[in-house]
Amino acid sequence: MSEPQVSRVEARPYMGRVKDVGRASHVSDAKRSADLQVGRVAGRAPQLRTAVRTDVRRIHELIQRNQQAGHLLPRQLSELSSRIDRFVVAVDGRGSIVACGELAPLSAAIAEIRSLVVSEKRRGQGLGRRIVDELKVRARAGGYDDLCVFAHQPAYFVHMGFSIVPHTWLPEKIMADCRSCPLFRRCEQFAMVSDLDAVLEVQPVAQMHV
C-alpha cells in the first residue's frame, strides 16, 4: 500500500497579535503624551486678566466658597455684574478662576481693594500679592493717589506696603459703606492705606482676555 500523500502547508507567522500589540502601544503612547500635555497646561502659573461678564457666576461662587475663611463681605450677582470690569482674575491652565480682586473707587483720590480672594488649593503661591500689585498699578494709572483695604489680618498687607490708619482717615469709606454696616463702630477690621506715588510706572496687564 502506498503511503498517504501529505500536503505540505507553509507555516505563516500570525501577525494579528503583533498588530494588536503595536496598536495598543501606539494608543498608550498617545494617551501618555496627551496626559503629559494636560499636566503641563494645568501646571502653568495662572495668568491675570480683566474679568468679563461671563466670569460673574464663577467669581460669585469663589467669593461664597471662601466667605467665612476670608472674612469676606457677601456680594450679589447683580452687583458683581454691574462692576465686573473692575475685577482682576487669575485663570489657571484649565480656564478656572482661582483668585480675584476688585478695584473700587471711593472718590477721585482714593480707591479700595475689595473681595480679594484666592482659592484654597492655590494659597501660598503668591497669587494674592500678584493681584494686589496689579490693582495698585491700575489704580495709579487711573489717577488715584491712595489705595486702601480693610483687613482682619493686617500683617499680610503690611508686607505689600500698606500702613494701618484710623478709620476716620477714610471718611469716603465710612459714608459709602460703614454707616449701613451692622458692625459700625464695632468693626474688627483694620483700615490700611498705601501711597500710590511709590508704585512704579508699569503698564497694567491683560486688558486683553486670555
Protein backbone atom coordinates (compact mmCIF):
# COMPACT_ATOMS: atom_id res chain seq x y z
CA MET A 1 0.00 0.00 0.00
CA SER A 2 1.33 3.31 -0.89
CA GLU A 3 1.89 5.90 1.77
CA PRO A 4 -0.78 8.61 2.00
CA GLN A 5 0.11 11.89 0.42
CA VAL A 6 0.63 14.59 2.99
CA SER A 7 0.15 18.08 1.66
CA ARG A 8 2.74 20.50 2.76
CA VAL A 9 1.46 23.73 4.15
CA GLU A 10 3.89 26.51 4.69
CA ALA A 11 3.81 27.91 8.19
CA ARG A 12 2.83 31.55 8.18
CA PRO A 13 3.52 33.76 11.14
CA TYR A 14 0.41 35.02 12.92
CA MET A 15 0.51 38.80 12.76
CA GLY A 16 -2.77 39.58 14.44
CA ARG A 17 -1.39 39.79 17.95
CA VAL A 18 1.65 41.69 16.78
CA LYS A 19 -0.63 44.23 15.09
CA ASP A 20 -2.78 44.45 18.20
CA VAL A 21 0.24 44.96 20.42
CA GLY A 22 1.57 47.63 18.10
CA ARG A 23 -1.79 49.39 18.02
CA ALA A 24 -2.12 49.23 21.82
CA SER A 25 1.39 50.58 22.20
CA HIS A 26 0.58 53.46 19.85
CA VAL A 27 -2.64 54.28 21.74
CA SER A 28 -0.81 54.06 25.06
CA ASP A 29 1.91 56.42 23.83
CA ALA A 30 -0.69 58.88 22.52
CA LYS A 31 -2.60 58.82 25.80
CA ARG A 32 0.60 59.29 27.77
CA SER A 33 1.53 62.24 25.55
CA ALA A 34 -1.95 63.76 25.96
CA ASP A 35 -1.83 63.31 29.74
CA LEU A 36 1.58 64.94 29.82
CA GLN A 37 0.31 67.87 27.77
CA VAL A 38 -2.68 68.31 30.10
CA GLY A 39 -0.30 68.19 33.05
CA ARG A 40 1.85 70.92 31.52
CA VAL A 41 -1.20 73.12 30.89
CA ALA A 42 -2.60 72.54 34.37
CA GLY A 43 0.79 73.28 35.91
CA ARG A 44 1.24 76.68 34.29
CA ALA A 45 1.26 79.72 36.53
CA PRO A 46 -2.21 81.34 36.49
CA GLN A 47 -2.49 84.35 34.22
CA LEU A 48 -4.07 87.67 35.28
CA ARG A 49 -6.66 89.41 33.16
CA THR A 50 -9.62 91.77 33.40
CA ALA A 51 -12.84 89.94 34.24
CA VAL A 52 -15.62 89.71 31.65
CA ARG A 53 -19.36 89.29 32.05
CA THR A 54 -19.21 85.52 31.60
CA ASP A 55 -16.98 85.36 34.71
CA VAL A 56 -19.64 86.78 37.04
CA ARG A 57 -21.08 83.50 38.29
CA ARG A 58 -17.66 81.92 38.82
CA ILE A 59 -16.42 84.96 40.77
CA HIS A 60 -19.59 84.85 42.87
CA GLU A 61 -19.04 81.15 43.62
CA LEU A 62 -15.38 81.76 44.52
CA ILE A 63 -16.35 84.51 46.98
CA GLN A 64 -19.10 82.37 48.50
CA ARG A 65 -16.82 79.34 48.98
CA ASN A 66 -14.24 81.45 50.81
CA GLN A 67 -16.52 83.92 52.53
CA GLN A 68 -16.11 82.66 56.08
CA ALA A 69 -12.40 81.79 55.92
CA GLY A 70 -11.51 85.10 54.29
CA HIS A 71 -13.90 87.28 56.32
CA LEU A 72 -15.37 88.44 53.04
CA LEU A 73 -18.48 90.53 52.73
CA PRO A 74 -21.26 88.83 50.74
CA ARG A 75 -21.72 90.02 47.17
CA GLN A 76 -24.82 89.82 45.00
CA LEU A 77 -24.71 88.57 41.41
CA SER A 78 -26.34 91.75 40.14
CA GLU A 79 -23.76 93.88 41.96
CA LEU A 80 -20.85 91.88 40.55
CA SER A 81 -22.32 92.04 37.07
CA SER A 82 -22.56 95.83 37.12
CA ARG A 83 -18.95 96.14 38.33
CA ILE A 84 -17.33 93.23 36.51
CA ASP A 85 -14.79 95.38 34.63
CA ARG A 86 -13.31 96.46 37.98
CA PHE A 87 -12.20 92.89 38.75
CA VAL A 88 -8.87 91.27 38.04
CA VAL A 89 -8.99 87.48 37.93
CA ALA A 90 -6.31 84.80 37.93
CA VAL A 91 -7.04 81.99 35.46
CA ASP A 92 -5.24 78.65 35.57
CA GLY A 93 -4.26 76.42 32.65
CA ARG A 94 -7.67 74.72 32.67
CA GLY A 95 -9.52 78.03 32.44
CA SER A 96 -10.69 78.03 36.06
CA ILE A 97 -10.79 81.29 38.02
CA VAL A 98 -8.63 80.66 41.09
CA ALA A 99 -8.32 84.19 42.50
CA CYS A 100 -9.88 87.62 42.13
CA GLY A 101 -9.88 91.16 43.45
CA GLU A 102 -11.83 94.35 42.75
CA LEU A 103 -10.60 97.93 42.39
CA ALA A 104 -13.49 100.01 43.77
CA PRO A 105 -13.41 103.83 43.56
CA LEU A 106 -14.30 105.69 46.75
CA SER A 107 -13.51 109.19 45.47
CA ALA A 108 -11.40 110.86 42.82
CA ALA A 109 -8.37 110.47 45.07
CA ILE A 110 -8.72 107.05 46.68
CA ALA A 111 -9.81 103.54 45.64
CA GLU A 112 -10.33 100.39 47.68
CA ILE A 113 -9.39 96.74 47.20
CA ARG A 114 -12.47 94.58 47.72
CA SER A 115 -13.25 90.88 47.53
CA LEU A 116 -9.61 89.78 47.38
CA VAL A 117 -9.79 86.01 47.47
CA VAL A 118 -7.58 83.07 46.47
CA SER A 119 -8.98 79.55 46.21
CA GLU A 120 -7.86 77.24 49.00
CA LYS A 121 -5.75 74.98 46.78
CA ARG A 122 -3.85 77.95 45.35
CA ARG A 123 -2.90 79.71 48.57
CA GLY A 124 0.76 80.19 49.36
CA GLN A 125 1.70 80.64 45.70
CA GLY A 126 1.81 84.46 45.69
CA LEU A 127 -1.43 84.93 43.76
CA GLY A 128 -2.87 87.38 46.28
CA ARG A 129 0.21 89.56 46.05
CA ARG A 130 0.16 89.44 42.24
CA ILE A 131 -3.43 90.67 42.19
CA VAL A 132 -2.73 93.40 44.76
CA ASP A 133 0.28 94.58 42.75
CA GLU A 134 -1.83 94.65 39.59
CA LEU A 135 -4.61 96.59 41.31
CA LYS A 136 -2.02 99.08 42.57
CA VAL A 137 -0.76 99.63 39.04
CA ARG A 138 -4.28 100.08 37.70
CA ALA A 139 -5.20 102.48 40.50
CA ARG A 140 -2.09 104.57 39.78
CA ALA A 141 -2.90 104.57 36.07
CA GLY A 142 -6.44 105.67 36.93
CA GLY A 143 -5.15 108.77 38.69
CA TYR A 144 -5.75 107.74 42.31
CA ASP A 145 -3.36 108.97 44.99
CA ASP A 146 -4.01 106.24 47.54
CA LEU A 147 -5.28 102.69 47.71
CA CYS A 148 -6.98 101.37 50.83
CA VAL A 149 -8.08 97.99 52.13
CA PHE A 150 -9.95 96.83 55.22
CA ALA A 151 -8.46 93.64 56.63
CA HIS A 152 -8.72 91.27 59.57
CA GLN A 153 -5.09 90.21 59.10
CA PRO A 154 -3.10 93.42 58.61
CA ALA A 155 0.31 91.73 58.55
CA TYR A 156 -0.47 90.29 55.12
CA PHE A 157 -0.89 93.79 53.66
CA VAL A 158 1.92 95.42 55.66
CA HIS A 159 4.34 93.32 53.62
CA MET A 160 2.85 94.85 50.48
CA GLY A 161 3.36 98.46 51.51
CA PHE A 162 0.12 99.21 53.37
CA SER A 163 0.03 101.06 56.70
CA ILE A 164 -2.60 100.88 59.42
CA VAL A 165 -4.51 104.15 59.84
CA PRO A 166 -7.52 105.26 61.93
CA HIS A 167 -10.85 104.56 60.28
CA THR A 168 -11.63 108.28 60.48
CA TRP A 169 -8.86 108.91 57.94
CA LEU A 170 -11.13 107.32 55.33
CA PRO A 171 -14.39 109.29 55.50
CA GLU A 172 -15.23 108.21 51.93
CA LYS A 173 -15.42 104.59 53.07
CA ILE A 174 -17.43 105.47 56.17
CA MET A 175 -20.01 107.34 54.12
CA ALA A 176 -20.17 104.73 51.35
CA ASP A 177 -20.35 101.51 53.37
CA CYS A 178 -19.63 101.71 57.08
CA ARG A 179 -22.69 103.63 58.23
CA SER A 180 -25.01 100.93 56.89
CA CYS A 181 -22.93 98.06 58.29
CA PRO A 182 -24.37 96.27 61.36
CA LEU A 183 -20.87 96.27 62.87
CA PHE A 184 -20.41 100.03 62.53
CA ARG A 185 -18.33 101.29 65.50
CA ARG A 186 -17.69 97.66 66.45
CA CYS A 187 -15.64 96.81 63.37
CA GLU A 188 -12.85 94.28 63.83
CA GLN A 189 -11.19 95.19 60.55
CA PHE A 190 -8.07 97.33 60.28
CA ALA A 191 -8.13 100.28 57.92
CA MET A 192 -4.96 100.30 55.79
CA VAL A 193 -3.62 102.66 53.13
CA SER A 194 -0.87 102.51 50.52
CA ASP A 195 0.61 105.65 48.94
CA LEU A 196 0.48 105.05 45.20
CA ASP A 197 3.23 107.58 44.50
CA ALA A 198 5.58 104.76 45.45
CA VAL A 199 4.20 102.50 42.71
CA LEU A 200 6.39 102.24 39.62
CA GLU A 201 5.03 103.38 36.30
CA VAL A 202 4.20 99.99 34.80
CA GLN A 203 1.52 99.21 32.24
CA PRO A 204 -1.39 97.15 33.62
CA VAL A 205 -1.51 93.56 32.47
CA ALA A 206 -4.16 91.92 30.39
CA GLN A 207 -6.70 94.36 29.20
CA MET A 208 -6.70 91.51 26.71
CA HIS A 209 -8.67 88.43 27.68
CA VAL A 210 -6.90 85.09 27.75
